[in-house]
C-alpha atoms as a PDB file:
ATOM      1  CA  MET A   1       0.000   0.000   0.000  1.00  0.00           C
ATOM      2  CA  ASN A   2       1.422   3.426  -0.928  1.00  0.00           C
ATOM      3  CA  ARG A   3       1.942   5.772   1.978  1.00  0.00           C
ATOM      4  CA  ILE A   4       2.165   9.557   2.044  1.00  0.00           C
ATOM      5  CA  PRO A   5       5.616  10.586   3.359  1.00  0.00           C
ATOM      6  CA  SER A   6       5.787  12.991   6.261  1.00  0.00           C
ATOM      7  CA  SER A   7       7.742  15.629   4.318  1.00  0.00           C
ATOM      8  CA  VAL A   8      10.274  16.118   1.566  1.00  0.00           C
ATOM      9  CA  PRO A   9      13.575  14.548   2.714  1.00  0.00           C
ATOM     10  CA  GLY A  10      16.007  17.110   4.066  1.00  0.00           C
ATOM     11  CA  LYS A  11      13.599  20.024   3.725  1.00  0.00           C
ATOM     12  CA  ASN A  12      11.518  20.050   6.910  1.00  0.00           C
ATOM     13  CA  ILE A  13      12.768  18.718  10.229  1.00  0.00           C
ATOM     14  CA  ASP A  14       9.710  17.833  12.302  1.00  0.00           C
ATOM     15  CA  ARG A  15      10.683  19.155  15.724  1.00  0.00           C
ATOM     16  CA  PRO A  16       7.441  18.316  17.539  1.00  0.00           C
ATOM     17  CA  ARG A  17       7.791  14.649  16.581  1.00  0.00           C
ATOM     18  CA  LEU A  18      11.440  14.618  17.588  1.00  0.00           C
ATOM     19  CA  ASN A  19      10.430  16.058  20.964  1.00  0.00           C
ATOM     20  CA  GLN A  20       8.093  13.087  21.402  1.00  0.00           C
ATOM     21  CA  LEU A  21      11.188  10.855  21.287  1.00  0.00           C
ATOM     22  CA  LYS A  22      13.043  12.660  24.086  1.00  0.00           C
ATOM     23  CA  PRO A  23      11.192  10.825  26.924  1.00  0.00           C
ATOM     24  CA  VAL A  24      12.060   7.543  25.222  1.00  0.00           C
ATOM     25  CA  GLU A  25      15.729   8.493  25.084  1.00  0.00           C
ATOM     26  CA  LYS A  26      15.702   9.530  28.756  1.00  0.00           C
ATOM     27  CA  ALA A  27      13.948   6.325  29.818  1.00  0.00           C
ATOM     28  CA  ILE A  28      16.487   4.139  27.982  1.00  0.00           C
ATOM     29  CA  GLN A  29      19.336   6.031  29.631  1.00  0.00           C
ATOM     30  CA  GLY A  30      17.790   5.188  33.014  1.00  0.00           C
ATOM     31  CA  LEU A  31      17.708   1.414  32.472  1.00  0.00           C
ATOM     32  CA  ARG A  32      21.213   0.823  33.887  1.00  0.00           C
ATOM     33  CA  LEU A  33      22.313  -1.091  30.848  1.00  0.00           C
ATOM     34  CA  SER A  34      25.792  -2.330  30.124  1.00  0.00           C
ATOM     35  CA  LEU A  35      27.651  -0.420  27.444  1.00  0.00           C
ATOM     36  CA  ILE A  36      26.967  -3.009  24.748  1.00  0.00           C
ATOM     37  CA  GLN A  37      23.279  -3.219  25.720  1.00  0.00           C
ATOM     38  CA  PHE A  38      22.924   0.550  25.596  1.00  0.00           C
ATOM     39  CA  ARG A  39      24.606   0.693  22.189  1.00  0.00           C
ATOM     40  CA  LYS A  40      22.147  -1.858  20.817  1.00  0.00           C
ATOM     41  CA  LEU A  41      19.079  -0.003  22.053  1.00  0.00           C
ATOM     42  CA  ASN A  42      20.474   3.387  21.186  1.00  0.00           C
ATOM     43  CA  GLY A  43      21.203   2.156  17.660  1.00  0.00           C
ATOM     44  CA  ILE A  44      17.523   1.374  17.107  1.00  0.00           C
ATOM     45  CA  LEU A  45      16.485   4.700  18.678  1.00  0.00           C
ATOM     46  CA  GLY A  46      19.004   6.491  16.461  1.00  0.00           C
ATOM     47  CA  ALA A  47      17.558   4.888  13.340  1.00  0.00           C
ATOM     48  CA  LEU A  48      14.054   5.956  14.382  1.00  0.00           C
ATOM     49  CA  THR A  49      15.280   9.498  15.086  1.00  0.00           C
ATOM     50  CA  MET A  50      16.900   9.711  11.666  1.00  0.00           C
ATOM     51  CA  GLN A  51      13.678   8.624   9.970  1.00  0.00           C
ATOM     52  CA  VAL A  52      11.823  11.531  11.538  1.00  0.00           C
ATOM     53  CA  GLU A  53      14.675  14.028  11.427  1.00  0.00           C
ATOM     54  CA  ASP A  54      15.459  13.781   7.723  1.00  0.00           C
ATOM     55  CA  GLY A  55      11.826  13.794   6.601  1.00  0.00           C
ATOM     56  CA  GLY A  56      10.203  11.602   3.968  1.00  0.00           C
ATOM     57  CA  ASP A  57       9.707   8.804   6.511  1.00  0.00           C
ATOM     58  CA  ASN A  58       7.227   5.958   6.220  1.00  0.00           C
ATOM     59  CA  PRO A  59       4.748   4.769   8.911  1.00  0.00           C
ATOM     60  CA  GLU A  60       5.476   1.096   8.274  1.00  0.00           C
ATOM     61  CA  VAL A  61       9.233   1.567   8.661  1.00  0.00           C
ATOM     62  CA  ASN A  62       8.716   3.597  11.817  1.00  0.00           C
ATOM     63  CA  ALA A  63       6.317   0.999  13.239  1.00  0.00           C
ATOM     64  CA  PHE A  64       8.881  -1.782  12.738  1.00  0.00           C
ATOM     65  CA  LEU A  65      11.531   0.306  14.524  1.00  0.00           C
ATOM     66  CA  VAL A  66       9.178   1.075  17.427  1.00  0.00           C
ATOM     67  CA  LYS A  67       8.369  -2.635  17.735  1.00  0.00           C
ATOM     68  CA  ALA A  68      12.075  -3.512  17.599  1.00  0.00           C
ATOM     69  CA  LEU A  69      12.884  -0.972  20.319  1.00  0.00           C
ATOM     70  CA  ARG A  70      10.162  -2.289  22.620  1.00  0.00           C
ATOM     71  CA  SER A  71      11.267  -5.891  22.051  1.00  0.00           C
ATOM     72  CA  ALA A  72      14.901  -4.984  22.742  1.00  0.00           C
ATOM     73  CA  VAL A  73      13.980  -3.390  26.077  1.00  0.00           C
ATOM     74  CA  ILE A  74      12.078  -6.502  27.147  1.00  0.00           C
ATOM     75  CA  HIS A  75      14.894  -8.761  25.962  1.00  0.00           C
ATOM     76  CA  HIS A  76      17.605  -6.970  27.908  1.00  0.00           C
ATOM     77  CA  VAL A  77      15.863  -6.022  31.187  1.00  0.00           C
ATOM     78  CA  GLY A  78      12.477  -7.750  31.222  1.00  0.00           C
ATOM     79  CA  VAL A  79       8.945  -6.342  31.315  1.00  0.00           C
ATOM     80  CA  ASP A  80       8.989  -5.286  34.968  1.00  0.00           C
ATOM     81  CA  ALA A  81      12.363  -3.489  34.979  1.00  0.00           C
ATOM     82  CA  GLY A  82      11.640  -1.968  31.595  1.00  0.00           C
ATOM     83  CA  GLN A  83       8.083  -0.854  32.353  1.00  0.00           C
ATOM     84  CA  SER A  84       8.865   2.876  32.404  1.00  0.00           C
ATOM     85  CA  ALA A  85      10.700   2.707  29.074  1.00  0.00           C
ATOM     86  CA  ILE A  86       7.950   0.576  27.543  1.00  0.00           C
ATOM     87  CA  GLN A  87       5.322   3.127  28.578  1.00  0.00           C
ATOM     88  CA  THR A  88       7.222   5.982  26.934  1.00  0.00           C
ATOM     89  CA  ILE A  89       7.622   3.890  23.773  1.00  0.00           C
ATOM     90  CA  ASP A  90       3.876   3.169  23.781  1.00  0.00           C
ATOM     91  CA  ALA A  91       3.151   6.889  24.217  1.00  0.00           C
ATOM     92  CA  PHE A  92       5.339   7.684  21.212  1.00  0.00           C
ATOM     93  CA  GLN A  93       3.593   4.981  19.192  1.00  0.00           C
ATOM     94  CA  MET A  94       0.190   6.511  19.986  1.00  0.00           C
ATOM     95  CA  SER A  95       1.393   9.980  18.963  1.00  0.00           C
ATOM     96  CA  GLU A  96       2.730   8.503  15.723  1.00  0.00           C
ATOM     97  CA  GLU A  97      -0.566   6.788  14.941  1.00  0.00           C
ATOM     98  CA  ALA A  98      -2.354  10.112  15.421  1.00  0.00           C
ATOM     99  CA  HIS A  99       0.218  11.868  13.219  1.00  0.00           C
ATOM    100  CA  TRP A 100      -0.164   9.399  10.353  1.00  0.00           C
ATOM    101  CA  ALA A 101      -3.962   9.471  10.608  1.00  0.00           C
ATOM    102  CA  GLN A 102      -3.849  13.264  10.203  1.00  0.00           C
ATOM    103  CA  THR A 103      -1.397  12.899   7.318  1.00  0.00           C
ATOM    104  CA  ARG A 104      -3.738  10.520   5.474  1.00  0.00           C
ATOM    105  CA  ASN A 105      -6.853  12.656   5.879  1.00  0.00           C
ATOM    106  CA  GLY A 106      -5.063  15.945   5.205  1.00  0.00           C
ATOM    107  CA  SER A 107      -5.768  17.476   8.622  1.00  0.00           C
ATOM    108  CA  LEU A 108      -2.162  17.659   9.802  1.00  0.00           C
ATOM    109  CA  PRO A 109      -1.616  21.072  11.436  1.00  0.00           C
ATOM    110  CA  VAL A 110       1.011  23.373   9.988  1.00  0.00           C
ATOM    111  CA  ILE A 111       4.163  23.359  12.075  1.00  0.00           C
ATOM    112  CA  GLN A 112       4.988  26.855  13.297  1.00  0.00           C
ATOM    113  CA  LEU A 113       8.656  27.074  14.175  1.00  0.00           C
ATOM    114  CA  ALA A 114      10.435  29.929  15.915  1.00  0.00           C
ATOM    115  CA  PRO A 115      12.916  31.857  13.731  1.00  0.00           C
ATOM    116  CA  GLU A 116      15.825  30.408  15.700  1.00  0.00           C
ATOM    117  CA  GLN A 117      14.710  26.875  14.933  1.00  0.00           C
ATOM    118  CA  ARG A 118      14.042  27.653  11.282  1.00  0.00           C
ATOM    119  CA  PHE A 119      17.538  29.087  11.011  1.00  0.00           C
ATOM    120  CA  ILE A 120      19.066  26.015  12.667  1.00  0.00           C
ATOM    121  CA  ASP A 121      17.162  23.711  10.324  1.00  0.00           C
ATOM    122  CA  GLN A 122      18.319  25.582   7.223  1.00  0.00           C
ATOM    123  CA  MET A 123      21.878  25.700   8.540  1.00  0.00           C
ATOM    124  CA  GLN A 124      21.970  21.951   9.200  1.00  0.00           C
ATOM    125  CA  ILE A 125      20.447  21.106   5.827  1.00  0.00           C
ATOM    126  CA  GLY A 126      23.106  23.246   4.170  1.00  0.00           C
ATOM    127  CA  TYR A 127      25.861  21.322   5.928  1.00  0.00           C
ATOM    128  CA  GLN A 128      24.293  18.076   4.720  1.00  0.00           C
ATOM    129  CA  PHE A 129      24.556  19.341   1.156  1.00  0.00           C
ATOM    130  CA  LEU A 130      28.195  20.324   1.780  1.00  0.00           C
ATOM    131  CA  GLU A 131      29.008  16.782   2.841  1.00  0.00           C
ATOM    132  CA  LYS A 132      27.849  15.736  -0.620  1.00  0.00           C
ATOM    133  CA  GLN A 133      29.984  18.486  -2.242  1.00  0.00           C
ATOM    134  CA  ASP A 134      26.821  20.145  -3.528  1.00  0.00           C
ATOM    135  CA  PHE A 135      27.938  23.745  -3.068  1.00  0.00           C
ATOM    136  CA  LEU A 136      25.083  25.262  -5.066  1.00  0.00           C
ATOM    137  CA  ALA A 137      22.368  23.553  -3.023  1.00  0.00           C
ATOM    138  CA  ALA A 138      24.177  24.363   0.230  1.00  0.00           C
ATOM    139  CA  CYS A 139      24.391  28.053  -0.605  1.00  0.00           C
ATOM    140  CA  GLN A 140      20.817  28.211  -1.870  1.00  0.00           C
ATOM    141  CA  THR A 141      19.731  26.795   1.477  1.00  0.00           C
ATOM    142  CA  TRP A 142      22.002  29.145   3.419  1.00  0.00           C
ATOM    143  CA  ILE A 143      20.714  32.180   1.555  1.00  0.00           C
ATOM    144  CA  GLN A 144      17.352  31.356   3.118  1.00  0.00           C
ATOM    145  CA  ALA A 145      19.060  30.956   6.511  1.00  0.00           C
ATOM    146  CA  TRP A 146      20.632  34.420   6.215  1.00  0.00           C
ATOM    147  CA  GLU A 147      17.254  35.936   5.331  1.00  0.00           C
ATOM    148  CA  ILE A 148      15.874  34.402   8.534  1.00  0.00           C
ATOM    149  CA  ALA A 149      18.847  35.718  10.538  1.00  0.00           C
ATOM    150  CA  LYS A 150      18.233  39.243   9.252  1.00  0.00           C
ATOM    151  CA  THR A 151      14.707  39.177  10.690  1.00  0.00           C
ATOM    152  CA  MET A 152      16.212  38.284  14.078  1.00  0.00           C
ATOM    153  CA  ALA A 153      18.823  41.079  14.089  1.00  0.00           C
ATOM    154  CA  ARG A 154      18.427  44.435  15.774  1.00  0.00           C
ATOM    155  CA  PRO A 155      20.424  47.674  15.328  1.00  0.00           C
ATOM    156  CA  GLU A 156      21.990  47.337  18.776  1.00  0.00           C
ATOM    157  CA  MET A 157      23.465  43.935  17.856  1.00  0.00           C
ATOM    158  CA  ARG A 158      26.687  45.281  16.354  1.00  0.00           C
ATOM    159  CA  THR A 159      28.721  42.038  16.519  1.00  0.00           C
ATOM    160  CA  ARG A 160      28.033  38.350  16.020  1.00  0.00           C
ATOM    161  CA  ASP A 161      28.656  37.853  19.721  1.00  0.00           C
ATOM    162  CA  GLU A 162      25.891  40.298  20.645  1.00  0.00           C
ATOM    163  CA  PHE A 163      23.562  38.587  18.150  1.00  0.00           C
ATOM    164  CA  SER A 164      24.335  35.152  19.627  1.00  0.00           C
ATOM    165  CA  LYS A 165      23.789  36.397  23.187  1.00  0.00           C
ATOM    166  CA  ALA A 166      20.332  37.576  22.125  1.00  0.00           C
ATOM    167  CA  HIS A 167      19.700  34.171  20.534  1.00  0.00           C
ATOM    168  CA  PRO A 168      21.596  31.680  22.744  1.00  0.00           C
ATOM    169  CA  GLN A 169      20.173  28.702  20.829  1.00  0.00           C
ATOM    170  CA  LEU A 170      22.501  29.646  17.969  1.00  0.00           C
ATOM    171  CA  ASN A 171      25.694  30.043  19.991  1.00  0.00           C
ATOM    172  CA  PRO A 172      28.432  29.141  19.004  1.00  0.00           C
ATOM    173  CA  ASP A 173      27.223  27.784  15.660  1.00  0.00           C
ATOM    174  CA  PHE A 174      26.280  31.180  14.241  1.00  0.00           C
ATOM    175  CA  ASP A 175      29.810  32.607  14.488  1.00  0.00           C
ATOM    176  CA  ASN A 176      31.345  29.745  12.525  1.00  0.00           C
ATOM    177  CA  TRP A 177      28.473  29.563  10.053  1.00  0.00           C
ATOM    178  CA  CYS A 178      28.926  33.211   9.021  1.00  0.00           C
ATOM    179  CA  TYR A 179      32.475  32.382   7.961  1.00  0.00           C
ATOM    180  CA  ASP A 180      31.476  29.120   6.270  1.00  0.00           C
ATOM    181  CA  PHE A 181      28.713  30.837   4.298  1.00  0.00           C
ATOM    182  CA  MET A 182      31.084  33.535   3.061  1.00  0.00           C
ATOM    183  CA  PHE A 183      33.690  30.999   1.917  1.00  0.00           C
ATOM    184  CA  GLU A 184      31.231  28.544   0.356  1.00  0.00           C
ATOM    185  CA  LEU A 185      29.622  31.287  -1.708  1.00  0.00           C
ATOM    186  CA  HIS A 186      32.987  31.488  -3.468  1.00  0.00           C
ATOM    187  CA  ASN A 187      32.915  27.764  -4.256  1.00  0.00           C
ATOM    188  CA  ALA A 188      29.358  28.014  -5.560  1.00  0.00           C
ATOM    189  CA  GLY A 189      30.351  31.055  -7.613  1.00  0.00           C
ATOM    190  CA  LEU A 190      32.904  28.975  -9.515  1.00  0.00           C
ATOM    191  CA  ASP A 191      29.958  27.065 -11.018  1.00  0.00           C
ATOM    192  CA  ASN A 192      27.466  29.924 -11.145  1.00  0.00           C
ATOM    193  CA  ARG A 193      28.675  33.541 -11.081  1.00  0.00           C
ATOM    194  CA  THR A 194      25.375  34.635  -9.554  1.00  0.00           C
ATOM    195  CA  PHE A 195      26.754  33.437  -6.229  1.00  0.00           C
ATOM    196  CA  HIS A 196      29.705  35.826  -6.537  1.00  0.00           C
ATOM    197  CA  GLU A 197      27.135  38.612  -6.785  1.00  0.00           C
ATOM    198  CA  TYR A 198      25.276  37.306  -3.762  1.00  0.00           C
ATOM    199  CA  ARG A 199      28.586  37.051  -1.906  1.00  0.00           C
ATOM    200  CA  LEU A 200      29.041  40.782  -2.377  1.00  0.00           C
ATOM    201  CA  GLN A 201      25.519  41.412  -1.124  1.00  0.00           C
ATOM    202  CA  TYR A 202      25.988  39.138   1.888  1.00  0.00           C
ATOM    203  CA  ILE A 203      29.294  40.743   2.922  1.00  0.00           C
ATOM    204  CA  GLN A 204      27.816  44.238   2.621  1.00  0.00           C
ATOM    205  CA  GLU A 205      24.799  43.247   4.711  1.00  0.00           C
ATOM    206  CA  PHE A 206      27.075  41.515   7.217  1.00  0.00           C
ATOM    207  CA  PHE A 207      29.211  44.639   7.738  1.00  0.00           C
ATOM    208  CA  THR A 208      26.113  46.840   7.924  1.00  0.00           C
ATOM    209  CA  GLN A 209      24.639  44.676  10.669  1.00  0.00           C
ATOM    210  CA  PHE A 210      27.920  43.903  12.478  1.00  0.00           C
ATOM    211  CA  PRO A 211      30.131  47.001  12.052  1.00  0.00           C
ATOM    212  CA  ASP A 212      32.104  46.436  15.264  1.00  0.00           C
ATOM    213  CA  GLU A 213      33.669  43.068  14.395  1.00  0.00           C
ATOM    214  CA  ASP A 214      37.388  42.559  15.083  1.00  0.00           C
ATOM    215  CA  ASN A 215      40.252  42.882  12.619  1.00  0.00           C
ATOM    216  CA  ASP A 216      40.288  39.178  11.801  1.00  0.00           C
ATOM    217  CA  VAL A 217      36.724  39.416  10.504  1.00  0.00           C
ATOM    218  CA  VAL A 218      37.519  42.637   8.647  1.00  0.00           C
ATOM    219  CA  LEU A 219      40.499  40.924   6.997  1.00  0.00           C
ATOM    220  CA  ASN A 220      38.624  37.816   5.884  1.00  0.00           C
ATOM    221  CA  PHE A 221      35.361  39.410   4.820  1.00  0.00           C
ATOM    222  CA  SER A 222      37.016  42.329   3.036  1.00  0.00           C
ATOM    223  CA  SER A 223      39.241  39.843   1.208  1.00  0.00           C
ATOM    224  CA  GLY A 224      36.098  37.938   0.275  1.00  0.00           C
ATOM    225  CA  ARG A 225      34.585  41.108  -1.151  1.00  0.00           C
ATOM    226  CA  ALA A 226      37.720  41.778  -3.234  1.00  0.00           C
ATOM    227  CA  GLU A 227      37.774  38.166  -4.463  1.00  0.00           C
ATOM    228  CA  ALA A 228      34.151  38.329  -5.584  1.00  0.00           C
ATOM    229  CA  LEU A 229      34.730  41.580  -7.451  1.00  0.00           C
ATOM    230  CA  TRP A 230      37.755  40.084  -9.193  1.00  0.00           C
ATOM    231  CA  GLU A 231      35.784  36.984 -10.204  1.00  0.00           C
ATOM    232  CA  LEU A 232      33.096  39.244 -11.650  1.00  0.00           C
ATOM    233  CA  GLY A 233      35.672  41.011 -13.806  1.00  0.00           C
ATOM    234  CA  LYS A 234      35.633  44.200 -11.734  1.00  0.00           C
ATOM    235  CA  GLN A 235      39.391  44.436 -11.308  1.00  0.00           C
ATOM    236  CA  ALA A 236      39.577  48.157 -10.526  1.00  0.00           C
ATOM    237  CA  GLU A 237      36.976  47.832  -7.764  1.00  0.00           C
ATOM    238  CA  SER A 238      38.770  44.781  -6.386  1.00  0.00           C
ATOM    239  CA  GLU A 239      42.061  46.694  -6.337  1.00  0.00           C
ATOM    240  CA  ALA A 240      40.372  49.536  -4.444  1.00  0.00           C
ATOM    241  CA  VAL A 241      39.099  47.141  -1.769  1.00  0.00           C
ATOM    242  CA  TYR A 242      42.547  45.583  -1.313  1.00  0.00           C
ATOM    243  CA  SER A 243      44.168  49.031  -1.214  1.00  0.00           C
ATOM    244  CA  ASP A 244      41.767  50.198   1.504  1.00  0.00           C
ATOM    245  CA  LEU A 245      42.307  46.943   3.402  1.00  0.00           C
ATOM    246  CA  VAL A 246      46.107  47.244   3.596  1.00  0.00           C
ATOM    247  CA  LYS A 247      45.736  50.888   4.657  1.00  0.00           C
ATOM    248  CA  ARG A 248      43.426  49.839   7.469  1.00  0.00           C
ATOM    249  CA  LEU A 249      45.450  46.739   8.432  1.00  0.00           C
ATOM    250  CA  PRO A 250      48.968  47.491   7.186  1.00  0.00           C
ATOM    251  CA  ASP A 251      50.639  44.724   9.200  1.00  0.00           C
ATOM    252  CA  GLU A 252      48.370  41.851   8.092  1.00  0.00           C
ATOM    253  CA  ALA A 253      50.427  39.757   5.657  1.00  0.00           C
ATOM    254  CA  TRP A 254      47.420  37.896   4.298  1.00  0.00           C
ATOM    255  CA  ALA A 255      45.862  41.116   3.029  1.00  0.00           C
ATOM    256  CA  TYR A 256      48.882  41.544   0.747  1.00  0.00           C
ATOM    257  CA  ILE A 257      49.088  37.838  -0.102  1.00  0.00           C
ATOM    258  CA  GLY A 258      45.463  37.701  -1.235  1.00  0.00           C
ATOM    259  CA  TRP A 259      45.997  40.813  -3.332  1.00  0.00           C
ATOM    260  CA  ALA A 260      49.200  39.585  -4.954  1.00  0.00           C
ATOM    261  CA  ASP A 261      47.733  36.133  -5.639  1.00  0.00           C
ATOM    262  CA  LYS A 262      45.348  37.647  -8.160  1.00  0.00           C
ATOM    263  CA  TYR A 263      48.305  38.428 -10.425  1.00  0.00           C
ATOM    264  CA  TRP A 264      50.108  35.091 -10.555  1.00  0.00           C
ATOM    265  CA  ILE A 265      49.054  32.046  -8.552  1.00  0.00           C
ATOM    266  CA  LEU A 266      45.430  31.508  -9.622  1.00  0.00           C
ATOM    267  CA  ASP A 267      44.488  29.512 -12.721  1.00  0.00           C
ATOM    268  CA  LYS A 268      43.045  32.600 -14.417  1.00  0.00           C
ATOM    269  CA  SER A 269      45.695  35.027 -13.174  1.00  0.00           C
ATOM    270  CA  PRO A 270      47.208  37.399 -15.765  1.00  0.00           C
ATOM    271  CA  LYS A 271      50.737  36.309 -14.685  1.00  0.00           C
ATOM    272  CA  GLN A 272      51.874  39.829 -13.929  1.00  0.00           C
ATOM    273  CA  TYR A 273      54.745  38.754 -11.713  1.00  0.00           C
ATOM    274  CA  ALA A 274      56.223  42.230 -11.263  1.00  0.00           C
ATOM    275  CA  ARG A 275      52.898  43.558  -9.976  1.00  0.00           C
ATOM    276  CA  ALA A 276      52.568  40.673  -7.501  1.00  0.00           C
ATOM    277  CA  GLU A 277      56.172  41.188  -6.370  1.00  0.00           C
ATOM    278  CA  ALA A 278      55.607  44.909  -5.767  1.00  0.00           C
ATOM    279  CA  ILE A 279      52.592  44.199  -3.548  1.00  0.00           C
ATOM    280  CA  MET A 280      54.468  41.675  -1.412  1.00  0.00           C
ATOM    281  CA  LEU A 281      57.597  43.817  -1.138  1.00  0.00           C
ATOM    282  CA  GLN A 282      55.339  46.589   0.143  1.00  0.00           C
ATOM    283  CA  ALA A 283      54.378  44.212   2.938  1.00  0.00           C
ATOM    284  CA  LEU A 284      57.965  43.194   3.711  1.00  0.00           C
ATOM    285  CA  ALA A 285      58.804  46.841   4.317  1.00  0.00           C
ATOM    286  CA  ARG A 286      56.617  46.675   7.430  1.00  0.00           C
ATOM    287  CA  PRO A 287      58.880  45.828  10.440  1.00  0.00           C
ATOM    288  CA  GLN A 288      55.948  44.536  12.516  1.00  0.00           C
ATOM    289  CA  LEU A 289      54.355  42.471   9.736  1.00  0.00           C
ATOM    290  CA  LYS A 290      52.295  39.545  11.052  1.00  0.00           C
ATOM    291  CA  ASN A 291      52.665  36.090   9.469  1.00  0.00           C
ATOM    292  CA  ARG A 292      55.866  37.209   7.792  1.00  0.00           C
ATOM    293  CA  PRO A 293      57.016  33.604   7.089  1.00  0.00           C
ATOM    294  CA  ASP A 294      53.824  32.985   5.095  1.00  0.00           C
ATOM    295  CA  LEU A 295      54.494  35.988   2.890  1.00  0.00           C
ATOM    296  CA  LEU A 296      58.147  35.005   2.416  1.00  0.00           C
ATOM    297  CA  GLU A 297      57.082  31.529   1.345  1.00  0.00           C
ATOM    298  CA  ARG A 298      54.638  32.984  -1.166  1.00  0.00           C
ATOM    299  CA  LEU A 299      57.186  35.437  -2.541  1.00  0.00           C
ATOM    300  CA  THR A 300      59.793  32.679  -2.886  1.00  0.00           C
ATOM    301  CA  GLY A 301      57.234  30.641  -4.828  1.00  0.00           C
ATOM    302  CA  LEU A 302      56.628  33.623  -7.075  1.00  0.00           C
ATOM    303  CA  TYR A 303      60.338  33.960  -7.874  1.00  0.00           C
ATOM    304  CA  LYS A 304      60.542  30.220  -8.614  1.00  0.00           C
ATOM    305  CA  GLU A 305      57.644  30.316 -11.090  1.00  0.00           C
ATOM    306  CA  TRP A 306      58.903  33.605 -12.547  1.00  0.00           C
ATOM    307  CA  GLY A 307      62.317  32.075 -13.223  1.00  0.00           C
ATOM    308  CA  LYS A 308      64.151  34.514 -10.951  1.00  0.00           C
ATOM    309  CA  PRO A 309      66.249  32.287  -8.628  1.00  0.00           C
ATOM    310  CA  GLU A 310      68.698  35.139  -8.011  1.00  0.00           C
ATOM    311  CA  LYS A 311      65.891  37.206  -6.473  1.00  0.00           C
ATOM    312  CA  ALA A 312      64.948  34.301  -4.233  1.00  0.00           C
ATOM    313  CA  SER A 313      68.569  34.021  -3.065  1.00  0.00           C
ATOM    314  CA  ALA A 314      68.798  37.762  -2.427  1.00  0.00           C
ATOM    315  CA  LEU A 315      65.532  37.605  -0.486  1.00  0.00           C
ATOM    316  CA  ARG A 316      66.804  34.789   1.745  1.00  0.00           C
ATOM    317  CA  MET A 317      70.071  36.672   2.370  1.00  0.00           C
ATOM    318  CA  ALA A 318      68.235  39.882   3.240  1.00  0.00           C
ATOM    319  CA  GLU A 319      65.960  38.043   5.652  1.00  0.00           C
ATOM    320  CA  ARG A 320      68.896  36.334   7.375  1.00  0.00           C
ATOM    321  CA  LYS A 321      70.561  39.722   7.791  1.00  0.00           C
ATOM    322  CA  LEU A 322      67.340  41.229   9.121  1.00  0.00           C
ATOM    323  CA  ASN A 323      66.880  38.356  11.576  1.00  0.00           C
ATOM    324  CA  GLN A 324      70.474  38.685  12.778  1.00  0.00           C
ATOM    325  CA  THR A 325      70.046  42.432  13.264  1.00  0.00           C
ATOM    326  CA  ALA A 326      66.876  41.818  15.246  1.00  0.00           C
ATOM    327  CA  ALA A 327      68.617  39.161  17.358  1.00  0.00           C
ATOM    328  CA  ASN A 328      71.540  41.505  18.061  1.00  0.00           C
ATOM    329  CA  HIS A 329      69.128  44.278  19.027  1.00  0.00           C
ATOM    330  CA  GLN A 330      67.341  41.957  21.434  1.00  0.00           C
ATOM    331  CA  ALA A 331      70.651  40.873  22.958  1.00  0.00           C
ATOM    332  CA  VAL A 332      71.742  44.485  23.437  1.00  0.00           C
ATOM    333  CA  THR A 333      68.400  45.410  24.951  1.00  0.00           C
ATOM    334  CA  LYS A 334      68.584  42.448  27.322  1.00  0.00           C
ATOM    335  CA  GLU A 335      72.104  43.370  28.408  1.00  0.00           C
ATOM    336  CA  GLN A 336      71.052  46.991  28.988  1.00  0.00           C
ATOM    337  CA  LYS A 337      68.186  45.841  31.193  1.00  0.00           C
ATOM    338  CA  GLN A 338      70.523  43.608  33.172  1.00  0.00           C
ATOM    339  CA  GLN A 339      72.999  46.468  33.621  1.00  0.00           C
ATOM    340  CA  LYS A 340      70.238  48.728  34.930  1.00  0.00           C
ATOM    341  CA  LYS A 341      69.178  46.007  37.324  1.00  0.00           C
ATOM    342  CA  ARG A 342      72.741  45.553  38.609  1.00  0.00           C
ATOM    343  CA  SER A 343      73.139  49.330  38.914  1.00  0.00           C
ATOM    344  CA  ARG A 344      69.985  49.600  40.978  1.00  0.00           C
ATOM    345  CA  GLY A 345      71.307  46.830  43.185  1.00  0.00           C
ATOM    346  CA  ARG A 346      74.602  48.682  43.830  1.00  0.00           C
ATOM    347  CA  ARG A 347      72.826  51.931  44.642  1.00  0.00           C
ATOM    348  CA  GLY A 348      70.577  50.173  47.061  1.00  0.00           C
ATOM    349  CA  LYS A 349      73.404  48.425  48.942  1.00  0.00           C
ATOM    350  CA  LYS A 350      73.936  49.644  52.513  1.00  0.00           C
ATOM    351  CA  ASN A 351      77.357  50.138  54.114  1.00  0.00           C
END
């Protein structure tokens, strides 16, 4: 007999039905089972949870799993010791029978989820698509998640942390997801340039909502904006974003690296080695440059591909000299501090 599925797989997580399973889970945990016994029962419960969670489940499959779970409880602890668990399983079975009866006659009530839960559902579905390397479907799903998040934001929430504190159900997932969404829009854009355009929109909306984020976020999201512009053929605008970024964060090596990469290391780069070199040398001129080894490695790679081994040798020599100068300076500074300490000791000595 053909059955009507509960929902389209992966599109609608039925939270009320999952909540009906929580007493069952708690009752099984209270049975004082050995580890292997618990794993057996929990395996059946997990299969039943997955049927409901992913949608598109079937009443006959679910009924077999419910029967198997009840039988397993009786087998491992007996009817008397397992009475509490059996009762919760029976209660879930009754709720399922009512659910499927409503599904068949078309009277199933519409599930009204809070925005937080709708966001979580869309976020999780997107990650499921990512596991299958389906970047387009993941980003299409996450675009909907971002639209939900925007309805939950308020002007006073000027950072992701403030947003998450207002919606603790999303913490800490929201912080990481914002990054993941920004990066995956790039991957989707490689197959469909429309996602590069949406990446620009998302980053602009992100900065408008969260203007007080730290420099790490500014670095990554501004780089993402420049990358999207470059992919869309807007080189001058991309250059302007990178130029503003290195002015704002002049000691962040990866701002320069991302900028220089556009001219040589990417598949579609114009191979303008001199331009890439000039950008990275601009960074090396900064004495307090962060992640300096990363930039040196990239610049050495540039010279290798460019066929300029003499420049790579000169670079290594200059860096060794710079490091030695810095080491000597530190040694002198340390000795000066020690001398001051000894001098203070002599002045403080009593006769």
